[in-house]
N, C-alpha and C. Protein backbone atom coordinates (compact mmCIF):
# COMPACT_ATOMS: atom_id res chain seq x y z
N MET A 1 60.06 -21.21 24.97
CA MET A 1 59.19 -21.73 24.00
C MET A 1 58.81 -20.55 23.85
N ARG A 2 58.33 -20.54 22.14
CA ARG A 2 58.43 -19.04 21.50
C ARG A 2 57.14 -19.31 20.44
N SER A 3 56.04 -19.30 20.49
CA SER A 3 54.79 -18.87 19.48
C SER A 3 54.83 -17.36 18.33
N ILE A 4 54.74 -17.67 17.61
CA ILE A 4 54.45 -16.71 16.39
C ILE A 4 52.93 -16.94 15.84
N ILE A 5 52.60 -15.52 15.60
CA ILE A 5 51.10 -15.79 14.61
C ILE A 5 51.40 -13.95 13.77
N GLU A 6 50.69 -14.68 12.33
CA GLU A 6 51.12 -13.93 11.34
C GLU A 6 49.41 -13.58 11.33
N PHE A 7 49.33 -12.23 10.73
CA PHE A 7 47.87 -12.14 10.08
C PHE A 7 48.40 -11.56 8.90
N SER A 8 47.46 -11.62 7.61
CA SER A 8 48.21 -10.93 6.27
C SER A 8 46.98 -9.49 6.25
N LYS A 9 45.94 -9.29 6.73
CA LYS A 9 45.25 -7.95 7.13
C LYS A 9 44.81 -7.79 8.02
N PRO A 10 44.98 -6.22 8.60
CA PRO A 10 46.56 -5.86 8.43
C PRO A 10 47.90 -5.90 8.97
N SER A 11 48.80 -5.53 8.44
CA SER A 11 50.41 -6.90 8.63
C SER A 11 50.43 -6.55 10.12
N ILE A 12 50.03 -7.93 10.83
CA ILE A 12 50.65 -7.67 12.37
C ILE A 12 51.32 -8.95 12.71
N ARG A 13 52.25 -8.83 13.43
CA ARG A 13 52.93 -10.39 13.84
C ARG A 13 52.98 -10.34 15.52
N PHE A 14 53.09 -11.10 15.97
CA PHE A 14 53.23 -11.05 17.51
C PHE A 14 54.05 -12.69 17.95
N GLU A 15 54.78 -12.13 19.11
CA GLU A 15 55.18 -13.57 18.93
C GLU A 15 54.85 -13.29 20.96
N PHE A 16 54.90 -14.61 21.41
CA PHE A 16 54.36 -15.07 22.60
C PHE A 16 55.47 -15.71 23.17
N PHE A 17 56.00 -15.13 24.55
CA PHE A 17 57.21 -15.77 25.03
C PHE A 17 56.75 -16.25 26.43
N CYS A 18 55.84 -16.08 27.36
CA CYS A 18 55.36 -16.59 28.25
C CYS A 18 54.07 -16.28 28.69
N ARG A 19 53.13 -17.06 29.61
CA ARG A 19 52.03 -17.01 29.75
C ARG A 19 51.54 -15.64 30.15
N CYS A 20 52.30 -14.52 31.43
CA CYS A 20 51.93 -13.72 31.35
C CYS A 20 51.65 -12.63 30.31
N ASP A 21 53.14 -12.78 29.35
CA ASP A 21 53.07 -11.74 28.55
C ASP A 21 51.55 -12.50 27.13
N LYS A 22 51.43 -13.46 27.06
CA LYS A 22 50.30 -13.75 26.22
C LYS A 22 49.06 -13.17 26.69
N GLN A 23 48.68 -13.36 27.92
CA GLN A 23 47.57 -12.79 28.35
C GLN A 23 47.41 -10.87 28.18
N LYS A 24 48.44 -10.47 28.73
CA LYS A 24 48.60 -9.33 28.59
C LYS A 24 48.29 -9.03 26.99
N ILE A 25 49.16 -9.60 25.96
CA ILE A 25 48.68 -9.13 24.51
C ILE A 25 47.31 -9.65 24.05
N LEU A 26 46.57 -10.58 24.90
CA LEU A 26 45.61 -10.58 24.53
C LEU A 26 44.25 -9.61 25.12
N ILE A 27 44.45 -9.29 25.99
CA ILE A 27 44.28 -8.28 26.76
C ILE A 27 44.47 -6.89 25.85
N GLU A 28 45.49 -6.22 25.17
CA GLU A 28 45.31 -5.59 24.80
C GLU A 28 44.99 -5.36 23.41
N MET A 29 45.02 -6.69 22.54
CA MET A 29 44.17 -6.76 21.49
C MET A 29 42.99 -6.51 21.64
N LEU A 30 42.27 -7.10 22.52
CA LEU A 30 40.71 -6.91 22.49
C LEU A 30 40.12 -5.28 22.82
N LEU A 31 40.89 -4.88 23.69
CA LEU A 31 40.29 -3.61 23.97
C LEU A 31 40.57 -2.54 23.02
N LYS A 32 41.87 -2.95 21.90
CA LYS A 32 42.38 -1.40 20.94
C LYS A 32 41.29 -2.00 19.51
N TYR A 33 41.00 -3.04 19.36
CA TYR A 33 40.05 -3.58 18.38
C TYR A 33 39.03 -3.65 18.26
N SER A 34 38.10 -4.12 19.49
CA SER A 34 37.11 -4.68 19.85
C SER A 34 36.52 -3.26 20.34
N GLU A 35 34.95 -3.71 20.71
CA GLU A 35 34.26 -2.39 21.10
C GLU A 35 34.05 -2.55 22.68
N LEU A 36 34.93 -3.50 23.17
CA LEU A 36 35.24 -3.65 24.80
C LEU A 36 35.87 -2.51 25.64
N ASN A 37 35.98 -2.31 26.78
CA ASN A 37 36.29 -1.74 27.63
C ASN A 37 36.87 -2.57 28.64
N LEU A 38 37.88 -2.10 29.78
CA LEU A 38 38.55 -2.76 30.54
C LEU A 38 37.12 -3.39 31.24
N ALA A 39 35.99 -2.66 31.82
CA ALA A 39 35.22 -3.20 32.79
C ALA A 39 34.48 -3.80 32.11
N GLY A 40 33.49 -3.67 30.77
CA GLY A 40 33.33 -4.64 29.55
C GLY A 40 33.50 -5.87 29.97
N LEU A 41 35.52 -6.05 29.68
CA LEU A 41 36.03 -7.55 29.44
C LEU A 41 35.75 -7.87 30.85
N ALA A 42 36.35 -7.63 31.91
CA ALA A 42 36.22 -7.71 33.20
C ALA A 42 35.14 -8.38 33.81
N SER A 43 33.86 -7.70 33.01
CA SER A 43 32.44 -8.52 33.52
C SER A 43 32.37 -9.92 32.80
N ILE A 44 32.84 -10.05 31.35
CA ILE A 44 32.26 -10.96 30.39
C ILE A 44 33.60 -12.15 31.19
N LEU A 45 34.52 -11.76 31.77
CA LEU A 45 35.57 -12.77 31.93
C LEU A 45 34.81 -13.23 33.30
N ASN A 46 34.13 -12.29 34.10
CA ASN A 46 33.81 -12.34 35.82
C ASN A 46 34.95 -12.75 36.51
N ILE A 47 35.82 -11.47 36.47
CA ILE A 47 36.52 -11.04 37.28
C ILE A 47 36.70 -9.83 37.51
N SER A 48 37.60 -9.41 38.86
CA SER A 48 37.04 -7.73 38.90
C SER A 48 38.04 -7.16 38.20
N ILE A 49 37.43 -5.87 38.15
CA ILE A 49 38.49 -4.93 37.25
C ILE A 49 40.32 -4.78 37.53
N GLY A 50 40.05 -4.80 38.97
CA GLY A 50 41.50 -4.56 39.79
C GLY A 50 42.43 -5.88 39.08
N LEU A 51 42.44 -6.62 39.12
CA LEU A 51 42.45 -8.03 38.98
C LEU A 51 43.01 -7.93 37.04
N LEU A 52 41.81 -7.77 36.42
CA LEU A 52 42.43 -7.36 35.39
C LEU A 52 43.22 -6.34 35.00
N GLN A 53 43.25 -5.46 35.45
CA GLN A 53 44.32 -4.26 35.63
C GLN A 53 45.91 -4.68 35.90
N ASP A 54 46.14 -5.81 36.95
CA ASP A 54 47.39 -6.22 37.13
C ASP A 54 47.73 -7.24 35.97
N VAL A 55 46.97 -8.05 35.54
CA VAL A 55 47.04 -8.82 34.12
C VAL A 55 47.66 -7.92 33.09
N TYR A 56 46.98 -7.03 33.07
CA TYR A 56 47.23 -5.96 31.96
C TYR A 56 48.43 -5.51 31.80
N VAL A 57 49.11 -4.85 32.75
CA VAL A 57 50.44 -4.33 33.30
C VAL A 57 51.04 -5.33 33.49
N GLY A 58 51.12 -6.69 33.84
CA GLY A 58 52.07 -7.54 33.62
C GLY A 58 52.43 -8.26 35.03
N ALA A 59 51.39 -7.52 36.32
CA ALA A 59 51.90 -7.82 37.44
C ALA A 59 50.91 -9.00 38.25
N ASP A 60 50.28 -9.38 37.30
CA ASP A 60 49.50 -10.69 38.20
C ASP A 60 49.50 -11.48 36.66
N ILE A 61 48.86 -12.88 36.74
CA ILE A 61 48.11 -13.76 35.54
C ILE A 61 46.99 -14.67 36.02
N LEU A 62 45.67 -14.57 34.86
CA LEU A 62 44.36 -15.49 35.27
C LEU A 62 45.11 -16.75 35.26
N ARG A 63 44.07 -17.57 35.79
CA ARG A 63 44.27 -18.68 35.77
C ARG A 63 42.99 -18.98 35.61
N GLY A 64 42.77 -21.12 35.38
CA GLY A 64 41.81 -21.69 35.43
C GLY A 64 41.20 -21.25 34.37
N LYS A 65 39.39 -21.01 34.98
CA LYS A 65 38.26 -20.59 33.33
C LYS A 65 38.87 -19.11 33.01
N PRO A 66 39.01 -18.26 33.74
CA PRO A 66 39.09 -16.90 33.48
C PRO A 66 40.45 -17.09 32.20
N ALA A 67 41.04 -17.94 32.41
CA ALA A 67 42.23 -17.58 31.61
C ALA A 67 41.48 -18.25 30.22
N ASP A 68 40.90 -19.42 30.61
CA ASP A 68 40.58 -19.87 29.29
C ASP A 68 39.35 -19.63 28.31
N HIS A 69 38.50 -18.46 29.14
CA HIS A 69 37.65 -17.50 28.53
C HIS A 69 38.21 -16.38 27.84
N LEU A 70 39.24 -16.37 28.23
CA LEU A 70 40.01 -14.69 27.83
C LEU A 70 40.59 -15.42 26.01
N LEU A 71 41.25 -16.78 26.53
CA LEU A 71 41.51 -16.93 25.19
C LEU A 71 40.36 -17.58 23.65
N GLN A 72 39.55 -17.89 25.03
CA GLN A 72 38.10 -18.44 23.91
C GLN A 72 38.15 -16.79 23.22
N LEU A 73 37.66 -16.13 24.10
CA LEU A 73 36.76 -14.94 23.70
C LEU A 73 37.84 -14.26 22.77
N PHE A 74 39.16 -13.75 22.89
CA PHE A 74 40.00 -13.63 21.45
C PHE A 74 40.14 -14.63 20.43
N LEU A 75 39.55 -15.61 20.15
CA LEU A 75 39.49 -16.49 19.51
C LEU A 75 37.92 -16.17 18.68
N ILE A 76 37.15 -15.99 18.91
CA ILE A 76 35.92 -15.57 18.60
C ILE A 76 36.34 -13.99 17.65
N PHE A 77 36.70 -13.47 18.39
CA PHE A 77 37.17 -12.33 17.89
C PHE A 77 37.80 -11.92 16.99
N LEU A 78 38.75 -12.95 16.76
CA LEU A 78 39.36 -13.13 15.55
C LEU A 78 38.89 -13.76 14.21
N SER A 79 37.99 -14.10 14.62
CA SER A 79 36.90 -15.23 13.56
C SER A 79 35.92 -14.44 13.27
N GLU A 80 35.90 -13.32 13.45
CA GLU A 80 34.27 -12.52 12.98
C GLU A 80 35.03 -11.60 11.94
């Protein structure tokens, strides 16, 4: 299963192939385009920095509330 998101300004296109890749991309986008760093994002998600780093490099996956909160935070970021 594959999903595609396109933004008109700036011209950005993302293709998500599996859940772990999606989380990695969401984290990367939040770190790159928001004022958050890894420690701040981990604090917001109420998880350890080590777990967030593992998800960021694709070695682990967020489950349950942290996964939901990551997606919600990303959507809030996009809406601003």
